[in-house]
Amino acid sequence: MARPLRITFPGAFYHITSRGNERKAVFKSKRDREKFLEYLESATQRYDAVIHAYCLMDNHYHLLLETPSGNLPQIMRHINGAYTTYFNVKRDRPGHLFQGRYKAILVELDEYAKELSRYIHLNPVRAKMAETLEAYDWSSYKYYIGRKKAPEWLFREFILGYFGKNISSAQKGYKKFVSSLVKKEYDSPLEDVFGSVFLGSPDFIEQIKTRYLSDRKPDKELSALRQLGPRISMQDVFNAVGAVFRNEPSLERSLKIYLCQKYTAEKLKTIGDRFDISESAVSHTTRRFRVKIEKDKKLRKKIEKIEKKLKLSKVKI
């Protein structure tokens, strides 16, 4: 298995996921979940981790995690390692609990922090594990909306700060923000991940590459570095799509919007301006076209050829 690219520095902000080996459950009881939360707490105390949001599912978990000391590997060794030891001793079992290495996506705070917190908190309802967000005990959502007193180790202030200076109004605003998408189709913010590593604007990505990756060389394990070359531009997409679908103007337009939104990392407004449509129309067109691709095998094969030509497959999640 290729070694994932890890970018660590003081103040880095990550979306973390880790899945059970063979997708098996890693939380089998209430006590398992409580124990895992204890390890999150000790990570904040011993390793200076900042936990902004979390959600424990059955066979995986999500964290929104900040590292003031730039020590992500140490934090994750503590969380996953200590929990694995607990889980194995309790059940008299050997071996790995989690599937491979955890996934850590480096996030641009102001662009994606609140969207990722919403994505994390919506998971139980989207997975049909709870009827309502408030009914699910194993996420940080109830603390964000003031339903329960938050533990001292959970840092809500940054994200709630987007919704007001007063804690009460911020909690109400956050609840409205998250509940507006309950049981609705929406585009996951993780669809914008670039190179399996970054979630942020092109400027953010270039800054990180220049500051932290300029002296690192790709090897046979760190293949992710090879994905971080020049970005695909909207014009690249236009040229590739036009060469295949020039006689089908309606289809050509929709595919261009879809591929630009998925692969170029341009903002929705930038894409919308290019096609003279709104940001919401870009999202709507993308969703409809995604459904069309799933139903039309011939169309899917044509698009796969375009993706291969652009080498876009290297930047999929």
Protein backbone atom coordinates (compact mmCIF):
# COMPACT_ATOMS: atom_id res chain seq x y z
CA MET A 1 0.00 0.00 0.00
CA ALA A 2 1.36 3.43 -0.96
CA ARG A 3 2.30 5.61 1.96
CA PRO A 4 -0.06 8.63 2.13
CA LEU A 5 1.35 12.10 1.87
CA ARG A 6 1.38 13.78 5.29
CA ILE A 7 1.79 17.53 5.53
CA THR A 8 2.32 18.65 9.11
CA PHE A 9 3.00 22.07 10.55
CA PRO A 10 1.91 24.09 13.60
CA GLY A 11 -1.68 25.25 13.26
CA ALA A 12 -2.64 22.79 10.52
CA PHE A 13 -6.32 21.89 10.33
CA TYR A 14 -7.50 18.46 9.14
CA HIS A 15 -10.53 16.37 8.35
CA ILE A 16 -9.64 12.91 9.68
CA THR A 17 -11.34 9.61 8.92
CA SER A 18 -10.37 6.09 9.90
CA ARG A 19 -12.31 2.94 8.99
CA GLY A 20 -12.49 -0.48 10.52
CA ASN A 21 -10.45 -3.26 8.93
CA GLU A 22 -12.56 -4.94 6.23
CA ARG A 23 -15.13 -2.25 7.06
CA LYS A 24 -16.03 -4.09 10.25
CA ALA A 25 -17.43 -2.27 13.28
CA VAL A 26 -14.91 -0.54 15.51
CA PHE A 27 -17.55 0.54 18.02
CA LYS A 28 -19.65 -2.33 19.34
CA SER A 29 -20.94 -0.94 22.62
CA LYS A 30 -21.68 2.24 24.48
CA ARG A 31 -18.51 1.73 26.49
CA ASP A 32 -16.43 1.47 23.30
CA ARG A 33 -17.65 4.87 22.21
CA GLU A 34 -17.11 6.38 25.64
CA LYS A 35 -13.59 5.00 25.71
CA PHE A 36 -12.79 6.47 22.31
CA LEU A 37 -13.97 9.88 23.48
CA GLU A 38 -11.68 9.51 26.50
CA TYR A 39 -8.77 9.08 24.11
CA LEU A 40 -9.82 12.22 22.25
CA GLU A 41 -9.78 14.06 25.55
CA SER A 42 -6.34 12.73 26.51
CA ALA A 43 -5.03 13.70 23.06
CA THR A 44 -5.96 17.31 23.83
CA GLN A 45 -4.27 17.12 27.22
CA ARG A 46 -1.11 15.22 26.33
CA TYR A 47 -0.46 16.21 22.73
CA ASP A 48 -2.02 19.65 22.38
CA ALA A 49 -4.67 18.46 19.92
CA VAL A 50 -7.68 20.70 19.31
CA ILE A 51 -10.89 18.79 18.55
CA HIS A 52 -13.41 21.02 16.74
CA ALA A 53 -16.01 18.40 15.82
CA TYR A 54 -16.46 14.64 15.80
CA CYS A 55 -18.87 11.88 14.84
CA LEU A 56 -18.55 8.21 15.72
CA MET A 57 -20.36 5.89 13.31
CA ASP A 58 -20.24 2.07 13.54
CA ASN A 59 -17.25 1.18 11.38
CA HIS A 60 -15.52 4.56 11.15
CA TYR A 61 -15.25 8.01 12.65
CA HIS A 62 -14.81 11.62 11.56
CA LEU A 63 -12.77 14.32 13.27
CA LEU A 64 -12.20 17.98 12.60
CA LEU A 65 -8.79 18.36 14.20
CA GLU A 66 -6.27 21.17 14.62
CA THR A 67 -2.60 20.68 15.54
CA PRO A 68 -1.10 23.77 17.22
CA SER A 69 2.15 21.84 17.74
CA GLY A 70 2.31 20.35 14.24
CA ASN A 71 2.32 16.78 15.57
CA LEU A 72 -0.48 14.98 13.72
CA PRO A 73 1.28 11.55 13.57
CA GLN A 74 1.85 11.57 17.32
CA ILE A 75 -1.77 12.53 18.00
CA MET A 76 -3.13 9.83 15.72
CA ARG A 77 -0.82 7.15 17.09
CA HIS A 78 -2.24 7.92 20.49
CA ILE A 79 -5.90 7.93 19.42
CA ASN A 80 -5.90 4.91 17.09
CA GLY A 81 -3.17 3.01 18.90
CA ALA A 82 -4.59 3.35 22.41
CA TYR A 83 -8.10 2.56 21.24
CA THR A 84 -6.94 -0.51 19.30
CA THR A 85 -5.17 -1.82 22.40
CA TYR A 86 -8.29 -1.28 24.50
CA PHE A 87 -10.53 -2.94 21.88
CA ASN A 88 -8.26 -5.97 21.42
CA VAL A 89 -7.66 -6.58 25.12
CA LYS A 90 -11.37 -6.32 25.86
CA ARG A 91 -12.20 -8.94 23.22
CA ASP A 92 -9.04 -11.05 23.47
CA ARG A 93 -8.22 -10.53 19.81
CA PRO A 94 -4.93 -9.78 18.01
CA GLY A 95 -4.14 -7.71 14.94
CA HIS A 96 -5.21 -4.48 13.31
CA LEU A 97 -8.50 -2.81 14.12
CA PHE A 98 -8.39 0.02 11.59
CA GLN A 99 -8.04 -0.42 7.84
CA GLY A 100 -4.60 0.76 6.80
CA ARG A 101 -3.62 4.32 7.54
CA TYR A 102 -6.01 7.03 8.61
CA LYS A 103 -7.01 9.59 5.99
CA ALA A 104 -5.99 13.17 6.75
CA ILE A 105 -7.12 15.99 4.46
CA LEU A 106 -5.46 19.34 5.01
CA VAL A 107 -8.17 22.01 5.15
CA GLU A 108 -8.25 25.75 4.48
CA LEU A 109 -10.06 27.03 7.56
CA ASP A 110 -12.09 29.97 6.35
CA GLU A 111 -13.20 28.23 3.16
CA TYR A 112 -14.34 24.89 4.52
CA ALA A 113 -14.42 24.68 8.35
CA LYS A 114 -18.13 25.25 8.87
CA GLU A 115 -19.09 23.18 5.80
CA LEU A 116 -17.06 20.23 7.06
CA SER A 117 -18.57 20.49 10.53
CA ARG A 118 -22.02 20.32 8.92
CA TYR A 119 -20.99 17.36 6.78
CA ILE A 120 -19.67 15.53 9.84
CA HIS A 121 -22.77 16.20 11.93
CA LEU A 122 -25.17 15.15 9.15
CA ASN A 123 -23.63 11.67 8.86
CA PRO A 124 -25.90 9.76 11.29
CA VAL A 125 -29.12 10.92 9.62
CA ARG A 126 -27.78 10.39 6.11
CA ALA A 127 -26.74 6.85 7.13
CA LYS A 128 -30.20 6.29 8.69
CA MET A 129 -28.65 5.66 12.10
CA ALA A 130 -30.91 8.28 13.66
CA GLU A 131 -34.18 9.99 12.78
CA THR A 132 -32.92 13.37 13.93
CA LEU A 133 -29.51 14.89 14.57
CA GLU A 134 -30.48 15.62 18.17
CA ALA A 135 -31.29 11.95 18.76
CA TYR A 136 -27.76 10.80 17.99
CA ASP A 137 -25.56 10.67 21.10
CA TRP A 138 -22.17 10.11 19.48
CA SER A 139 -21.41 13.35 17.67
CA SER A 140 -20.54 16.84 18.84
CA TYR A 141 -23.74 18.30 17.35
CA LYS A 142 -25.72 18.34 20.61
CA TYR A 143 -22.99 20.45 22.18
CA TYR A 144 -22.97 22.87 19.26
CA ILE A 145 -26.66 23.65 19.62
CA GLY A 146 -26.64 23.80 23.42
CA ARG A 147 -28.63 20.63 23.96
CA LYS A 148 -25.98 19.41 26.43
CA LYS A 149 -23.09 21.03 28.26
CA ALA A 150 -19.97 20.63 26.16
CA PRO A 151 -16.90 18.87 27.57
CA GLU A 152 -13.94 21.16 28.18
CA TRP A 153 -11.84 19.39 25.55
CA LEU A 154 -14.27 20.15 22.69
CA PHE A 155 -13.45 23.48 21.05
CA ARG A 156 -16.66 24.86 19.51
CA GLU A 157 -15.82 28.55 19.60
CA PHE A 158 -14.11 28.81 16.24
CA ILE A 159 -16.94 27.37 14.14
CA LEU A 160 -19.73 28.91 16.21
CA GLY A 161 -17.97 32.23 15.72
CA TYR A 162 -19.20 32.23 12.12
CA PHE A 163 -22.78 32.42 13.39
CA GLY A 164 -22.68 35.24 15.90
CA LYS A 165 -20.80 36.78 18.81
CA ASN A 166 -23.44 35.79 21.35
CA ILE A 167 -23.35 32.07 22.21
CA SER A 168 -27.12 31.70 22.21
CA SER A 169 -27.62 33.31 18.80
CA ALA A 170 -24.62 31.42 17.41
CA GLN A 171 -26.09 28.10 18.53
CA LYS A 172 -29.44 28.93 16.94
CA GLY A 173 -27.73 30.01 13.74
CA TYR A 174 -25.65 26.85 13.61
CA LYS A 175 -28.70 24.64 14.19
CA LYS A 176 -30.48 26.36 11.30
CA PHE A 177 -27.39 26.02 9.13
CA VAL A 178 -27.09 22.25 9.66
CA SER A 179 -30.77 21.34 9.77
CA SER A 180 -31.38 23.11 6.45
CA LEU A 181 -29.80 20.12 4.69
CA VAL A 182 -31.30 17.28 6.73
CA LYS A 183 -32.70 14.62 4.37
CA LYS A 184 -31.81 16.74 1.34
CA GLU A 185 -29.40 16.01 -1.48
CA TYR A 186 -26.33 18.19 -1.37
CA ASP A 187 -22.77 18.26 -2.68
CA SER A 188 -20.29 17.01 -0.11
CA PRO A 189 -17.44 19.47 0.50
CA LEU A 190 -15.10 16.48 0.16
CA GLU A 191 -15.86 16.39 -3.55
CA ASP A 192 -13.50 19.35 -3.84
CA VAL A 193 -10.50 17.47 -2.41
CA PHE A 194 -7.43 17.77 -4.61
CA GLY A 195 -4.81 15.07 -4.82
CA SER A 196 -6.38 13.22 -1.88
CA VAL A 197 -4.57 15.75 0.33
CA PHE A 198 -5.94 19.30 0.06
CA LEU A 199 -9.29 20.96 0.58
CA GLY A 200 -8.96 24.63 -0.19
CA SER A 201 -8.48 27.33 -2.78
CA PRO A 202 -5.76 27.17 -5.45
CA ASP A 203 -3.86 29.91 -3.60
CA PHE A 204 -3.96 27.90 -0.37
CA ILE A 205 -2.67 24.80 -2.12
CA GLU A 206 0.15 26.68 -3.83
CA GLN A 207 1.19 28.29 -0.54
CA ILE A 208 1.36 24.92 1.22
CA LYS A 209 3.23 23.29 -1.67
CA THR A 210 5.77 26.10 -1.80
CA ARG A 211 6.32 26.30 1.95
CA TYR A 212 6.23 22.63 2.96
CA LEU A 213 6.75 20.45 -0.13
CA SER A 214 9.31 22.25 -2.25
CA ASP A 215 12.23 20.18 -0.92
CA ARG A 216 10.47 16.81 -0.95
CA LYS A 217 10.80 14.37 -3.82
CA PRO A 218 8.28 11.68 -4.77
CA ASP A 219 9.30 8.06 -4.35
CA LYS A 220 7.56 4.78 -5.06
CA GLU A 221 5.60 5.06 -1.81
CA LEU A 222 4.89 8.79 -1.67
CA SER A 223 3.18 8.74 -5.04
CA ALA A 224 0.76 11.44 -3.92
CA LEU A 225 3.45 14.06 -4.56
CA ARG A 226 3.21 13.28 -8.27
CA GLN A 227 -0.43 14.38 -8.19
CA LEU A 228 0.46 17.88 -7.08
CA GLY A 229 1.64 19.23 -10.40
CA PRO A 230 -0.07 21.97 -12.42
CA ARG A 231 -3.82 22.11 -11.92
CA ILE A 232 -6.28 21.31 -14.70
CA SER A 233 -7.68 24.57 -16.04
CA MET A 234 -11.17 25.30 -17.28
CA GLN A 235 -9.77 25.76 -20.77
CA ASP A 236 -8.22 22.29 -20.62
CA VAL A 237 -11.68 20.91 -19.85
CA PHE A 238 -13.29 22.94 -22.63
CA ASN A 239 -10.79 21.67 -25.19
CA ALA A 240 -11.12 18.02 -24.20
CA VAL A 241 -14.92 18.04 -24.04
CA GLY A 242 -15.30 20.05 -27.24
CA ALA A 243 -13.23 17.52 -29.17
CA VAL A 244 -15.70 14.74 -28.29
CA PHE A 245 -19.09 16.44 -27.96
CA ARG A 246 -18.91 19.40 -30.34
CA ASN A 247 -22.02 18.19 -32.21
CA GLU A 248 -24.08 17.88 -29.02
CA PRO A 249 -24.16 21.44 -27.63
CA SER A 250 -26.51 20.81 -24.70
CA LEU A 251 -24.60 17.76 -23.52
CA GLU A 252 -21.28 19.51 -24.13
CA ARG A 253 -22.28 22.45 -21.94
CA SER A 254 -23.48 20.28 -19.05
CA LEU A 255 -20.37 18.11 -19.15
CA LYS A 256 -18.10 21.15 -19.13
CA ILE A 257 -19.87 22.50 -16.04
CA TYR A 258 -19.69 19.09 -14.36
CA LEU A 259 -15.98 18.57 -15.02
CA CYS A 260 -15.03 22.15 -14.17
CA GLN A 261 -16.82 21.90 -10.83
CA LYS A 262 -15.33 18.51 -10.04
CA TYR A 263 -11.72 18.95 -11.10
CA THR A 264 -10.54 22.53 -11.60
CA ALA A 265 -10.95 23.79 -8.00
CA GLU A 266 -12.45 27.00 -9.35
CA LYS A 267 -15.12 28.55 -7.15
CA LEU A 268 -18.75 28.01 -8.14
CA LYS A 269 -19.06 31.72 -8.87
CA THR A 270 -16.13 31.59 -11.30
CA ILE A 271 -17.64 28.63 -13.12
CA GLY A 272 -21.09 30.22 -13.12
CA ASP A 273 -19.73 33.47 -14.55
CA ARG A 274 -18.10 31.54 -17.40
CA PHE A 275 -21.47 30.00 -18.31
CA ASP A 276 -23.59 33.00 -17.33
CA ILE A 277 -25.48 31.09 -14.63
CA SER A 278 -25.75 31.32 -10.84
CA GLU A 279 -23.72 29.36 -8.29
CA SER A 280 -26.78 27.29 -7.37
CA ALA A 281 -27.35 26.50 -11.05
CA VAL A 282 -23.81 25.14 -11.27
CA SER A 283 -24.51 22.80 -8.33
CA HIS A 284 -27.88 21.79 -9.77
CA THR A 285 -26.41 21.03 -13.20
CA THR A 286 -23.62 18.99 -11.60
CA ARG A 287 -26.06 16.90 -9.56
CA ARG A 288 -28.32 16.20 -12.55
CA PHE A 289 -25.39 15.29 -14.76
CA ARG A 290 -23.97 12.94 -12.13
CA VAL A 291 -27.27 11.04 -12.14
CA LYS A 292 -27.26 10.96 -15.94
CA ILE A 293 -23.76 9.45 -15.98
CA GLU A 294 -24.77 6.74 -13.52
CA LYS A 295 -27.66 5.69 -15.78
CA ASP A 296 -25.92 5.95 -19.16
CA LYS A 297 -23.05 3.47 -19.63
CA LYS A 298 -22.11 4.70 -23.11
CA LEU A 299 -21.87 8.27 -21.90
CA ARG A 300 -19.84 7.15 -18.89
CA LYS A 301 -17.29 5.42 -21.14
CA LYS A 302 -16.88 8.55 -23.26
CA ILE A 303 -16.32 10.65 -20.15
CA GLU A 304 -13.79 8.15 -18.83
CA LYS A 305 -11.78 8.65 -22.02
CA ILE A 306 -11.85 12.41 -21.49
CA GLU A 307 -10.73 11.97 -17.90
CA LYS A 308 -7.91 9.71 -19.00
CA LYS A 309 -6.77 12.24 -21.56
CA LEU A 310 -6.69 14.97 -18.93
CA LYS A 311 -5.15 12.60 -16.39
CA LEU A 312 -7.91 13.62 -14.03
CA SER A 313 -8.18 10.20 -12.50
CA LYS A 314 -5.08 11.06 -10.43
CA VAL A 315 -6.95 13.66 -8.41
CA LYS A 316 -10.04 11.67 -7.42
CA ILE A 317 -10.84 11.14 -3.80
